[in-house]
Amino acid sequence: MPDSAESDKVFVLIIYDIIENKKRVKLAKLPQGYGFRIQKSAFEAVITKKKYKKLLKELAPFGNAEDSVRVYKIIGKGQITNIGKPLENEQEEIILI
C-alpha cells in the first residue's frame, strides 16, 4: 500500500513554444523551481498535487494565440526510456532504462 506522501505526488512534463525571447526567458525560470530542464524547452518534475495546481496557475498567462505551454500529467508508475545523453539530475521517483 503506497504511503500518503507518495500518492500525493504527480510526474509532470512541461514543454513550451514561446516566440518572444523576453517572455521565453521568464517562462523558462518558472519550472526550475519545480523540477529540472531536460531539453531547451522541456522540464520534468515530481511534485505534489497542490504544487501542480499552483504551477498551472503560474503558467496560464504564457499561453496565447501565438505561444503554447503544454503540461502532461502522468498518473501512476510511469516508465521513462532515455535514449542518448543521460540526464544530469535524476530523481528517485523516475526510473531511467
PDB file of N, CA and C in Angstrom:
ATOM      1  N   MET A   1       0.848  -1.184   0.000  1.00  0.00           N
ATOM      2  CA  MET A   1       0.000   0.000   0.000  1.00  0.00           C
ATOM      3  C   MET A   1       0.890   1.243   0.000  1.00  0.00           C
ATOM      4  N   PRO A   2       0.712   2.175  -0.949  1.00  0.00           N
ATOM      5  CA  PRO A   2       1.556   3.354  -1.002  1.00  0.00           C
ATOM      6  C   PRO A   2       1.277   4.282   0.170  1.00  0.00           C
ATOM      7  N   ASP A   3       2.334   4.938   0.658  1.00  0.00           N
ATOM      8  CA  ASP A   3       2.090   5.890   1.733  1.00  0.00           C
ATOM      9  C   ASP A   3       1.462   7.145   1.160  1.00  0.00           C
ATOM     10  N   SER A   4       0.859   7.965   2.025  1.00  0.00           N
ATOM     11  CA  SER A   4       0.107   9.124   1.548  1.00  0.00           C
ATOM     12  C   SER A   4       1.008  10.157   0.882  1.00  0.00           C
ATOM     13  N   ALA A   5       2.264  10.272   1.330  1.00  0.00           N
ATOM     14  CA  ALA A   5       3.175  11.235   0.714  1.00  0.00           C
ATOM     15  C   ALA A   5       3.460  10.862  -0.736  1.00  0.00           C
ATOM     16  N   GLU A   6       3.664   9.571  -1.010  1.00  0.00           N
ATOM     17  CA  GLU A   6       3.949   9.127  -2.376  1.00  0.00           C
ATOM     18  C   GLU A   6       2.724   9.269  -3.267  1.00  0.00           C
ATOM     19  N   SER A   7       1.546   8.951  -2.751  1.00  0.00           N
ATOM     20  CA  SER A   7       0.334   9.009  -3.565  1.00  0.00           C
ATOM     21  C   SER A   7      -0.093  10.443  -3.851  1.00  0.00           C
ATOM     22  N   ASP A   8       0.461  11.403  -3.116  1.00  0.00           N
ATOM     23  CA  ASP A   8       0.135  12.808  -3.335  1.00  0.00           C
ATOM     24  C   ASP A   8       1.002  13.420  -4.440  1.00  0.00           C
ATOM     25  N   LYS A   9       1.960  12.679  -4.965  1.00  0.00           N
ATOM     26  CA  LYS A   9       2.881  13.218  -5.966  1.00  0.00           C
ATOM     27  C   LYS A   9       2.445  12.851  -7.379  1.00  0.00           C
ATOM     28  N   VAL A  10       2.744  13.758  -8.303  1.00  0.00           N
ATOM     29  CA  VAL A  10       2.472  13.518  -9.715  1.00  0.00           C
ATOM     30  C   VAL A  10       3.742  13.829 -10.510  1.00  0.00           C
ATOM     31  N   PHE A  11       3.909  13.115 -11.595  1.00  0.00           N
ATOM     32  CA  PHE A  11       5.021  13.358 -12.502  1.00  0.00           C
ATOM     33  C   PHE A  11       4.491  14.216 -13.637  1.00  0.00           C
ATOM     34  N   VAL A  12       5.159  15.333 -13.924  1.00  0.00           N
ATOM     35  CA  VAL A  12       4.709  16.217 -14.995  1.00  0.00           C
ATOM     36  C   VAL A  12       5.837  16.486 -15.981  1.00  0.00           C
ATOM     37  N   LEU A  13       5.443  16.656 -17.215  1.00  0.00           N
ATOM     38  CA  LEU A  13       6.336  17.066 -18.289  1.00  0.00           C
ATOM     39  C   LEU A  13       5.809  18.401 -18.794  1.00  0.00           C
ATOM     40  N   ILE A  14       6.641  19.418 -18.770  1.00  0.00           N
ATOM     41  CA  ILE A  14       6.254  20.768 -19.183  1.00  0.00           C
ATOM     42  C   ILE A  14       7.044  21.101 -20.443  1.00  0.00           C
ATOM     43  N   ILE A  15       6.336  21.417 -21.521  1.00  0.00           N
ATOM     44  CA  ILE A  15       7.009  21.831 -22.757  1.00  0.00           C
ATOM     45  C   ILE A  15       6.381  23.131 -23.242  1.00  0.00           C
ATOM     46  N   TYR A  16       7.172  23.943 -23.910  1.00  0.00           N
ATOM     47  CA  TYR A  16       6.637  25.226 -24.352  1.00  0.00           C
ATOM     48  C   TYR A  16       7.263  25.658 -25.667  1.00  0.00           C
ATOM     49  N   ASP A  17       6.526  26.512 -26.365  1.00  0.00           N
ATOM     50  CA  ASP A  17       6.974  27.121 -27.613  1.00  0.00           C
ATOM     51  C   ASP A  17       6.572  28.589 -27.528  1.00  0.00           C
ATOM     52  N   ILE A  18       7.522  29.428 -27.164  1.00  0.00           N
ATOM     53  CA  ILE A  18       7.279  30.855 -26.965  1.00  0.00           C
ATOM     54  C   ILE A  18       8.127  31.628 -27.966  1.00  0.00           C
ATOM     55  N   ILE A  19       7.522  32.526 -28.724  1.00  0.00           N
ATOM     56  CA  ILE A  19       8.213  33.261 -29.779  1.00  0.00           C
ATOM     57  C   ILE A  19       9.124  34.357 -29.221  1.00  0.00           C
ATOM     58  N   GLU A  20       8.591  35.198 -28.350  1.00  0.00           N
ATOM     59  CA  GLU A  20       9.325  36.356 -27.831  1.00  0.00           C
ATOM     60  C   GLU A  20      10.398  35.927 -26.818  1.00  0.00           C
ATOM     61  N   ASN A  21      11.634  36.360 -27.041  1.00  0.00           N
ATOM     62  CA  ASN A  21      12.752  35.952 -26.182  1.00  0.00           C
ATOM     63  C   ASN A  21      12.551  36.313 -24.717  1.00  0.00           C
ATOM     64  N   LYS A  22      12.160  37.553 -24.442  1.00  0.00           N
ATOM     65  CA  LYS A  22      11.999  38.013 -23.055  1.00  0.00           C
ATOM     66  C   LYS A  22      10.956  37.162 -22.317  1.00  0.00           C
ATOM     67  N   LYS A  23       9.861  36.901 -22.983  1.00  0.00           N
ATOM     68  CA  LYS A  23       8.793  36.086 -22.390  1.00  0.00           C
ATOM     69  C   LYS A  23       9.266  34.638 -22.196  1.00  0.00           C
ATOM     70  N   ARG A  24      10.008  34.121 -23.168  1.00  0.00           N
ATOM     71  CA  ARG A  24      10.510  32.744 -23.094  1.00  0.00           C
ATOM     72  C   ARG A  24      11.494  32.580 -21.932  1.00  0.00           C
ATOM     73  N   VAL A  25      12.370  33.557 -21.746  1.00  0.00           N
ATOM     74  CA  VAL A  25      13.333  33.506 -20.638  1.00  0.00           C
ATOM     75  C   VAL A  25      12.593  33.532 -19.304  1.00  0.00           C
ATOM     76  N   LYS A  26      11.586  34.373 -19.215  1.00  0.00           N
ATOM     77  CA  LYS A  26      10.791  34.459 -17.978  1.00  0.00           C
ATOM     78  C   LYS A  26      10.086  33.126 -17.699  1.00  0.00           C
ATOM     79  N   LEU A  27       9.502  32.540 -18.730  1.00  0.00           N
ATOM     80  CA  LEU A  27       8.817  31.257 -18.546  1.00  0.00           C
ATOM     81  C   LEU A  27       9.809  30.158 -18.169  1.00  0.00           C
ATOM     82  N   ALA A  28      10.977  30.150 -18.773  1.00  0.00           N
ATOM     83  CA  ALA A  28      11.970  29.097 -18.514  1.00  0.00           C
ATOM     84  C   ALA A  28      12.436  29.087 -17.066  1.00  0.00           C
ATOM     85  N   LYS A  29      12.406  30.222 -16.406  1.00  0.00           N
ATOM     86  CA  LYS A  29      12.815  30.290 -15.000  1.00  0.00           C
ATOM     87  C   LYS A  29      11.768  29.676 -14.079  1.00  0.00           C
ATOM     88  N   LEU A  30      10.518  29.734 -14.463  1.00  0.00           N
ATOM     89  CA  LEU A  30       9.426  29.269 -13.602  1.00  0.00           C
ATOM     90  C   LEU A  30       9.497  27.777 -13.280  1.00  0.00           C
ATOM     91  N   PRO A  31       9.611  26.867 -14.243  1.00  0.00           N
ATOM     92  CA  PRO A  31       9.639  25.438 -13.903  1.00  0.00           C
ATOM     93  C   PRO A  31      10.877  25.001 -13.136  1.00  0.00           C
ATOM     94  N   GLN A  32      11.949  25.801 -13.157  1.00  0.00           N
ATOM     95  CA  GLN A  32      13.165  25.423 -12.448  1.00  0.00           C
ATOM     96  C   GLN A  32      12.918  25.272 -10.949  1.00  0.00           C
ATOM     97  N   GLY A  33      11.939  25.965 -10.422  1.00  0.00           N
ATOM     98  CA  GLY A  33      11.602  25.840  -9.011  1.00  0.00           C
ATOM     99  C   GLY A  33      10.832  24.571  -8.695  1.00  0.00           C
ATOM    100  N   TYR A  34      10.417  23.853  -9.720  1.00  0.00           N
ATOM    101  CA  TYR A  34       9.621  22.642  -9.539  1.00  0.00           C
ATOM    102  C   TYR A  34      10.377  21.372  -9.915  1.00  0.00           C
ATOM    103  N   GLY A  35      11.201  21.464 -10.934  1.00  0.00           N
ATOM    104  CA  GLY A  35      11.863  20.265 -11.440  1.00  0.00           C
ATOM    105  C   GLY A  35      13.163  20.630 -12.114  1.00  0.00           C
ATOM    106  N   PHE A  36      13.485  19.939 -13.203  1.00  0.00           N
ATOM    107  CA  PHE A  36      14.733  20.222 -13.891  1.00  0.00           C
ATOM    108  C   PHE A  36      14.548  20.161 -15.398  1.00  0.00           C
ATOM    109  N   ARG A  37      15.405  20.916 -16.069  1.00  0.00           N
ATOM    110  CA  ARG A  37      15.358  21.016 -17.525  1.00  0.00           C
ATOM    111  C   ARG A  37      15.896  19.721 -18.134  1.00  0.00           C
ATOM    112  N   ILE A  38      15.167  19.186 -19.124  1.00  0.00           N
ATOM    113  CA  ILE A  38      15.646  18.003 -19.836  1.00  0.00           C
ATOM    114  C   ILE A  38      16.018  18.335 -21.281  1.00  0.00           C
ATOM    115  N   GLN A  39      15.467  19.422 -21.800  1.00  0.00           N
ATOM    116  CA  GLN A  39      15.829  19.956 -23.113  1.00  0.00           C
ATOM    117  C   GLN A  39      15.633  21.460 -23.036  1.00  0.00           C
ATOM    118  N   LYS A  40      15.940  22.170 -24.117  1.00  0.00           N
ATOM    119  CA  LYS A  40      15.871  23.634 -24.069  1.00  0.00           C
ATOM    120  C   LYS A  40      14.494  24.165 -23.696  1.00  0.00           C
ATOM    121  N   SER A  41      13.443  23.516 -24.118  1.00  0.00           N
ATOM    122  CA  SER A  41      12.101  23.997 -23.778  1.00  0.00           C
ATOM    123  C   SER A  41      11.256  22.890 -23.153  1.00  0.00           C
ATOM    124  N   ALA A  42      11.906  22.050 -22.344  1.00  0.00           N
ATOM    125  CA  ALA A  42      11.189  20.948 -21.689  1.00  0.00           C
ATOM    126  C   ALA A  42      11.733  20.713 -20.280  1.00  0.00           C
ATOM    127  N   PHE A  43      10.801  20.526 -19.351  1.00  0.00           N
ATOM    128  CA  PHE A  43      11.143  20.268 -17.956  1.00  0.00           C
ATOM    129  C   PHE A  43      10.383  19.049 -17.459  1.00  0.00           C
ATOM    130  N   GLU A  44      10.985  18.330 -16.504  1.00  0.00           N
ATOM    131  CA  GLU A  44      10.314  17.241 -15.801  1.00  0.00           C
ATOM    132  C   GLU A  44      10.274  17.603 -14.327  1.00  0.00           C
ATOM    133  N   ALA A  45       9.228  17.153 -13.648  1.00  0.00           N
ATOM    134  CA  ALA A  45       9.133  17.394 -12.209  1.00  0.00           C
ATOM    135  C   ALA A  45       8.276  16.324 -11.559  1.00  0.00           C
ATOM    136  N   VAL A  46       8.602  16.008 -10.324  1.00  0.00           N
ATOM    137  CA  VAL A  46       7.755  15.185  -9.471  1.00  0.00           C
ATOM    138  C   VAL A  46       7.334  16.106  -8.342  1.00  0.00           C
ATOM    139  N   ILE A  47       6.051  16.467  -8.332  1.00  0.00           N
ATOM    140  CA  ILE A  47       5.563  17.465  -7.382  1.00  0.00           C
ATOM    141  C   ILE A  47       4.262  17.001  -6.743  1.00  0.00           C
ATOM    142  N   THR A  48       3.884  17.676  -5.674  1.00  0.00           N
ATOM    143  CA  THR A  48       2.620  17.357  -5.017  1.00  0.00           C
ATOM    144  C   THR A  48       1.461  17.858  -5.878  1.00  0.00           C
ATOM    145  N   LYS A  49       0.290  17.335  -5.616  1.00  0.00           N
ATOM    146  CA  LYS A  49      -0.897  17.776  -6.359  1.00  0.00           C
ATOM    147  C   LYS A  49      -1.169  19.255  -6.113  1.00  0.00           C
ATOM    148  N   LYS A  50      -0.870  19.721  -4.907  1.00  0.00           N
ATOM    149  CA  LYS A  50      -1.059  21.138  -4.570  1.00  0.00           C
ATOM    150  C   LYS A  50      -0.113  22.010  -5.410  1.00  0.00           C
ATOM    151  N   LYS A  51       1.151  21.595  -5.522  1.00  0.00           N
ATOM    152  CA  LYS A  51       2.107  22.349  -6.338  1.00  0.00           C
ATOM    153  C   LYS A  51       1.745  22.280  -7.818  1.00  0.00           C
ATOM    154  N   TYR A  52       1.155  21.165  -8.247  1.00  0.00           N
ATOM    155  CA  TYR A  52       0.719  21.021  -9.638  1.00  0.00           C
ATOM    156  C   TYR A  52      -0.325  22.091  -9.969  1.00  0.00           C
ATOM    157  N   LYS A  53      -1.294  22.270  -9.083  1.00  0.00           N
ATOM    158  CA  LYS A  53      -2.328  23.291  -9.304  1.00  0.00           C
ATOM    159  C   LYS A  53      -1.711  24.686  -9.336  1.00  0.00           C
ATOM    160  N   LYS A  54      -0.756  24.933  -8.440  1.00  0.00           N
ATOM    161  CA  LYS A  54      -0.072  26.230  -8.402  1.00  0.00           C
ATOM    162  C   LYS A  54       0.709  26.456  -9.695  1.00  0.00           C
ATOM    163  N   LEU A  55       1.391  25.428 -10.160  1.00  0.00           N
ATOM    164  CA  LEU A  55       2.165  25.517 -11.398  1.00  0.00           C
ATOM    165  C   LEU A  55       1.273  25.889 -12.577  1.00  0.00           C
ATOM    166  N   LEU A  56       0.122  25.244 -12.695  1.00  0.00           N
ATOM    167  CA  LEU A  56      -0.798  25.546 -13.797  1.00  0.00           C
ATOM    168  C   LEU A  56      -1.242  27.002 -13.770  1.00  0.00           C
ATOM    169  N   LYS A  57      -1.515  27.526 -12.575  1.00  0.00           N
ATOM    170  CA  LYS A  57      -1.919  28.936 -12.453  1.00  0.00           C
ATOM    171  C   LYS A  57      -0.788  29.866 -12.878  1.00  0.00           C
ATOM    172  N   GLU A  58       0.444  29.510 -12.505  1.00  0.00           N
ATOM    173  CA  GLU A  58       1.586  30.352 -12.856  1.00  0.00           C
ATOM    174  C   GLU A  58       1.903  30.301 -14.349  1.00  0.00           C
ATOM    175  N   LEU A  59       1.628  29.184 -14.990  1.00  0.00           N
ATOM    176  CA  LEU A  59       1.904  29.042 -16.420  1.00  0.00           C
ATOM    177  C   LEU A  59       0.811  29.644 -17.303  1.00  0.00           C
ATOM    178  N   ALA A  60      -0.398  29.763 -16.792  1.00  0.00           N
ATOM    179  CA  ALA A  60      -1.556  30.204 -17.582  1.00  0.00           C
ATOM    180  C   ALA A  60      -1.328  31.499 -18.364  1.00  0.00           C
ATOM    181  N   PRO A  61      -0.712  32.524 -17.800  1.00  0.00           N
ATOM    182  CA  PRO A  61      -0.542  33.778 -18.553  1.00  0.00           C
ATOM    183  C   PRO A  61       0.363  33.671 -19.783  1.00  0.00           C
ATOM    184  N   PHE A  62       1.126  32.604 -19.903  1.00  0.00           N
ATOM    185  CA  PHE A  62       2.072  32.480 -21.005  1.00  0.00           C
ATOM    186  C   PHE A  62       1.443  31.955 -22.294  1.00  0.00           C
ATOM    187  N   GLY A  63       0.287  31.355 -22.225  1.00  0.00           N
ATOM    188  CA  GLY A  63      -0.361  30.833 -23.421  1.00  0.00           C
ATOM    189  C   GLY A  63      -1.199  31.896 -24.106  1.00  0.00           C
ATOM    190  N   ASN A  64      -1.152  31.949 -25.426  1.00  0.00           N
ATOM    191  CA  ASN A  64      -1.994  32.869 -26.203  1.00  0.00           C
ATOM    192  C   ASN A  64      -2.098  32.339 -27.634  1.00  0.00           C
ATOM    193  N   ALA A  65      -2.545  33.165 -28.557  1.00  0.00           N
ATOM    194  CA  ALA A  65      -2.746  32.715 -29.939  1.00  0.00           C
ATOM    195  C   ALA A  65      -1.435  32.343 -30.640  1.00  0.00           C
ATOM    196  N   GLU A  66      -0.308  32.927 -30.207  1.00  0.00           N
ATOM    197  CA  GLU A  66       0.976  32.655 -30.850  1.00  0.00           C
ATOM    198  C   GLU A  66       1.850  31.676 -30.077  1.00  0.00           C
ATOM    199  N   ASP A  67       1.684  31.617 -28.772  1.00  0.00           N
ATOM    200  CA  ASP A  67       2.551  30.819 -27.908  1.00  0.00           C
ATOM    201  C   ASP A  67       1.785  29.672 -27.271  1.00  0.00           C
ATOM    202  N   SER A  68       2.519  28.618 -26.915  1.00  0.00           N
ATOM    203  CA  SER A  68       1.845  27.500 -26.250  1.00  0.00           C
ATOM    204  C   SER A  68       2.703  26.930 -25.129  1.00  0.00           C
ATOM    205  N   VAL A  69       2.012  26.468 -24.108  1.00  0.00           N
ATOM    206  CA  VAL A  69       2.627  25.762 -22.991  1.00  0.00           C
ATOM    207  C   VAL A  69       1.800  24.503 -22.796  1.00  0.00           C
ATOM    208  N   ARG A  70       2.458  23.363 -22.736  1.00  0.00           N
ATOM    209  CA  ARG A  70       1.750  22.095 -22.530  1.00  0.00           C
ATOM    210  C   ARG A  70       2.297  21.447 -21.277  1.00  0.00           C
ATOM    211  N   VAL A  71       1.387  20.940 -20.455  1.00  0.00           N
ATOM    212  CA  VAL A  71       1.772  20.239 -19.236  1.00  0.00           C
ATOM    213  C   VAL A  71       1.133  18.859 -19.291  1.00  0.00           C
ATOM    214  N   TYR A  72       1.968  17.840 -19.309  1.00  0.00           N
ATOM    215  CA  TYR A  72       1.484  16.461 -19.316  1.00  0.00           C
ATOM    216  C   TYR A  72       1.596  15.921 -17.898  1.00  0.00           C
ATOM    217  N   LYS A  73       0.492  15.472 -17.365  1.00  0.00           N
ATOM    218  CA  LYS A  73       0.452  14.887 -16.026  1.00  0.00           C
ATOM    219  C   LYS A  73       0.403  13.374 -16.202  1.00  0.00           C
ATOM    220  N   ILE A  74       1.408  12.697 -15.673  1.00  0.00           N
ATOM    221  CA  ILE A  74       1.498  11.249 -15.834  1.00  0.00           C
ATOM    222  C   ILE A  74       1.094  10.598 -14.523  1.00  0.00           C
ATOM    223  N   ILE A  75       0.042   9.805 -14.583  1.00  0.00           N
ATOM    224  CA  ILE A  75      -0.542   9.177 -13.402  1.00  0.00           C
ATOM    225  C   ILE A  75       0.067   7.799 -13.187  1.00  0.00           C
ATOM    226  N   GLY A  76       0.225   7.441 -11.930  1.00  0.00           N
ATOM    227  CA  GLY A  76       0.700   6.097 -11.600  1.00  0.00           C
ATOM    228  C   GLY A  76       2.189   5.942 -11.829  1.00  0.00           C
ATOM    229  N   LYS A  77       2.627   4.728 -11.879  1.00  0.00           N
ATOM    230  CA  LYS A  77       4.044   4.432 -12.079  1.00  0.00           C
ATOM    231  C   LYS A  77       4.374   4.556 -13.557  1.00  0.00           C
ATOM    232  N   GLY A  78       4.873   5.699 -13.937  1.00  0.00           N
ATOM    233  CA  GLY A  78       5.269   5.904 -15.318  1.00  0.00           C
ATOM    234  C   GLY A  78       6.613   5.257 -15.579  1.00  0.00           C
ATOM    235  N   GLN A  79       6.906   5.016 -16.804  1.00  0.00           N
ATOM    236  CA  GLN A  79       8.192   4.445 -17.176  1.00  0.00           C
ATOM    237  C   GLN A  79       8.798   5.335 -18.243  1.00  0.00           C
ATOM    238  N   ILE A  80      10.041   5.705 -18.040  1.00  0.00           N
ATOM    239  CA  ILE A  80      10.724   6.587 -18.966  1.00  0.00           C
ATOM    240  C   ILE A  80      11.878   5.828 -19.598  1.00  0.00           C
ATOM    241  N   THR A  81      11.968   5.893 -20.898  1.00  0.00           N
ATOM    242  CA  THR A  81      13.100   5.318 -21.604  1.00  0.00           C
ATOM    243  C   THR A  81      13.924   6.470 -22.146  1.00  0.00           C
ATOM    244  N   ASN A  82      15.152   6.568 -21.723  1.00  0.00           N
ATOM    245  CA  ASN A  82      16.041   7.633 -22.168  1.00  0.00           C
ATOM    246  C   ASN A  82      17.001   7.053 -23.197  1.00  0.00           C
ATOM    247  N   ILE A  83      16.999   7.606 -24.396  1.00  0.00           N
ATOM    248  CA  ILE A  83      17.891   7.153 -25.454  1.00  0.00           C
ATOM    249  C   ILE A  83      18.837   8.304 -25.766  1.00  0.00           C
ATOM    250  N   GLY A  84      20.122   8.095 -25.569  1.00  0.00           N
ATOM    251  CA  GLY A  84      21.084   9.152 -25.829  1.00  0.00           C
ATOM    252  C   GLY A  84      21.687   9.703 -24.554  1.00  0.00           C
ATOM    253  N   LYS A  85      21.938  10.993 -24.561  1.00  0.00           N
ATOM    254  CA  LYS A  85      22.595  11.670 -23.449  1.00  0.00           C
ATOM    255  C   LYS A  85      21.852  11.420 -22.140  1.00  0.00           C
ATOM    256  N   PRO A  86      22.564  10.939 -21.109  1.00  0.00           N
ATOM    257  CA  PRO A  86      21.893  10.706 -19.828  1.00  0.00           C
ATOM    258  C   PRO A  86      21.521  12.022 -19.157  1.00  0.00           C
ATOM    259  N   LEU A  87      20.455  11.989 -18.376  1.00  0.00           N
ATOM    260  CA  LEU A  87      20.033  13.176 -17.646  1.00  0.00           C
ATOM    261  C   LEU A  87      21.000  13.433 -16.505  1.00  0.00           C
ATOM    262  N   GLU A  88      21.270  14.704 -16.246  1.00  0.00           N
ATOM    263  CA  GLU A  88      22.202  15.066 -15.183  1.00  0.00           C
ATOM    264  C   GLU A  88      21.548  15.038 -13.813  1.00  0.00           C
ATOM    265  N   ASN A  89      20.269  15.337 -13.730  1.00  0.00           N
ATOM    266  CA  ASN A  89      19.569  15.447 -12.450  1.00  0.00           C
ATOM    267  C   ASN A  89      18.512  14.369 -12.311  1.00  0.00           C
ATOM    268  N   GLU A  90      18.902  13.142 -12.147  1.00  0.00           N
ATOM    269  CA  GLU A  90      17.927  12.069 -11.998  1.00  0.00           C
ATOM    270  C   GLU A  90      17.252  12.189 -10.642  1.00  0.00           C
ATOM    271  N   GLN A  91      15.962  11.883 -10.605  1.00  0.00           N
ATOM    272  CA  GLN A  91      15.209  11.896  -9.354  1.00  0.00           C
ATOM    273  C   GLN A  91      14.867  10.466  -8.997  1.00  0.00           C
ATOM    274  N   GLU A  92      14.766  10.183  -7.703  1.00  0.00           N
ATOM    275  CA  GLU A  92      14.489   8.827  -7.257  1.00  0.00           C
ATOM    276  C   GLU A  92      13.175   8.288  -7.796  1.00  0.00           C
ATOM    277  N   GLU A  93      12.164   9.124  -7.945  1.00  0.00           N
ATOM    278  CA  GLU A  93      10.859   8.664  -8.384  1.00  0.00           C
ATOM    279  C   GLU A  93      10.835   8.275  -9.857  1.00  0.00           C
ATOM    280  N   ILE A  94      11.855   8.670 -10.599  1.00  0.00           N
ATOM    281  CA  ILE A  94      11.895   8.411 -12.032  1.00  0.00           C
ATOM    282  C   ILE A  94      12.898   7.299 -12.300  1.00  0.00           C
ATOM    283  N   ILE A  95      12.496   6.310 -13.058  1.00  0.00           N
ATOM    284  CA  ILE A  95      13.375   5.202 -13.398  1.00  0.00           C
ATOM    285  C   ILE A  95      13.772   5.336 -14.862  1.00  0.00           C
ATOM    286  N   LEU A  96      15.058   5.428 -15.126  1.00  0.00           N
ATOM    287  CA  LEU A  96      15.551   5.504 -16.496  1.00  0.00           C
ATOM    288  C   LEU A  96      16.028   4.133 -16.916  1.00  0.00           C
ATOM    289  N   ILE A  97      15.621   3.698 -18.088  1.00  0.00           N
ATOM    290  CA  ILE A  97      16.018   2.382 -18.582  1.00  0.00           C
ATOM    291  C   ILE A  97      16.969   2.567 -19.744  1.00  0.00           C
TER     292      ILE A  97
END
